[in-house]
Protein backbone atom coordinates (compact mmCIF):
# COMPACT_ATOMS: atom_id res chain seq x y z
CA MET A 1 125.83 102.75 106.05
CA SER A 2 123.36 99.87 106.31
CA LEU A 3 120.93 99.65 109.25
CA SER A 4 118.48 97.12 110.55
CA CYS A 5 114.85 98.05 110.21
CA ARG A 6 113.51 99.87 113.24
CA PRO A 7 110.52 98.34 115.04
CA GLY A 8 107.24 100.14 114.43
CA CYS A 9 108.50 102.18 111.46
CA ALA A 10 106.98 100.60 108.31
CA ALA A 11 107.92 103.67 106.24
CA CYS A 12 109.11 101.41 103.40
CA CYS A 13 105.72 99.69 103.38
CA THR A 14 103.73 102.93 103.41
CA ALA A 15 105.51 105.83 101.68
CA PRO A 16 106.63 104.50 98.28
CA SER A 17 104.36 103.48 95.45
CA ILE A 18 104.74 99.90 94.22
CA SER A 19 103.78 99.22 90.61
CA SER A 20 103.92 95.42 90.76
CA ALA A 21 101.17 93.22 92.17
CA ILE A 22 101.12 92.46 95.88
CA PRO A 23 98.87 89.72 97.33
CA GLY A 24 95.70 91.61 98.20
CA MET A 25 96.70 94.60 96.04
CA PRO A 26 96.76 93.25 92.46
CA GLN A 27 97.26 96.72 90.93
CA GLY A 28 100.15 97.55 93.26
CA LYS A 29 100.15 100.23 95.93
CA PRO A 30 99.90 104.02 95.69
CA ALA A 31 102.37 106.22 97.57
CA GLY A 32 101.33 106.98 101.13
CA VAL A 33 99.03 103.98 101.45
CA PRO A 34 100.00 101.21 103.89
CA CYS A 35 100.52 97.81 102.27
CA VAL A 36 97.81 95.27 103.09
CA GLN A 37 100.59 92.83 103.98
CA LEU A 38 101.55 94.80 107.12
CA ASP A 39 100.47 93.04 110.30
CA GLU A 40 99.46 94.62 113.63
CA GLN A 41 103.14 94.92 114.64
CA LEU A 42 103.91 96.71 111.33
CA GLN A 43 105.86 93.71 110.04
CA CYS A 44 105.60 92.32 106.52
CA LYS A 45 103.51 89.13 106.41
CA ILE A 46 105.19 88.01 103.16
CA PHE A 47 108.79 88.91 104.04
CA GLY A 48 111.15 86.38 102.44
CA GLN A 49 108.41 84.85 100.27
CA ALA A 50 108.29 84.75 96.48
CA GLU A 51 105.08 86.83 96.43
CA ARG A 52 106.89 89.81 97.96
CA PRO A 53 107.63 92.39 95.24
CA ALA A 54 111.30 92.54 94.24
CA VAL A 55 111.37 96.30 94.85
CA CYS A 56 110.58 95.67 98.53
CA GLY A 57 113.63 93.44 98.93
CA GLN A 58 115.84 95.93 97.13
CA LEU A 59 115.02 98.85 99.43
CA GLN A 60 117.44 98.61 102.35
CA ALA A 61 117.42 100.67 105.54
CA SER A 62 120.22 103.24 105.68
CA LEU A 63 121.17 106.19 107.87
CA GLU A 64 120.51 108.54 104.94
CA MET A 65 116.96 107.23 104.51
CA CYS A 66 116.00 106.43 108.10
CA GLY A 67 117.64 109.31 109.96
CA PRO A 68 119.86 109.37 113.00
CA GLN A 69 117.32 108.35 115.66
CA ASP A 70 114.19 106.31 116.11
CA ASP A 71 111.29 108.71 115.56
CA GLY A 72 108.61 106.18 114.67
CA GLY A 73 109.50 106.38 110.98
CA LEU A 74 108.67 110.10 110.49
CA PHE A 75 112.05 110.94 108.96
CA ALA A 76 112.00 107.86 106.70
CA ARG A 77 108.42 108.49 105.50
CA SER A 78 109.29 112.11 104.71
CA TYR A 79 112.48 111.06 102.87
CA LEU A 80 110.70 108.38 100.84
CA MET A 81 107.75 110.65 99.97
CA ARG A 82 110.23 113.28 98.77
CA LEU A 83 111.90 110.66 96.53
CA GLU A 84 108.47 109.61 95.30
CA THR A 85 107.73 113.21 94.27
CA LEU A 86 111.13 113.73 92.63
CA THR A 87 110.89 110.54 90.57
CA ARG A 88 107.21 110.73 89.57
CA PRO A 89 106.76 110.60 85.78
CA ASP A 90 105.42 113.81 84.26
């Protein structure tokens, strides 16, 4: 089930690591670190632009990832950090 992103969450822009370059983060982004492209409202400043990493556009909000209620992104961050741990290369 697809969802719209929840205001003030930003779990997708904080929890996962990103290996490709991001404007302002040329080496990518480590897991658990907020992206420098998040603004004060926790919105992506490069959303819809070519500079936005492809992986960001491929990650879509879902009930499985985001959880059943709006909890400020706690469920989603926990879910994404768990995936990060499970998929980390040895």
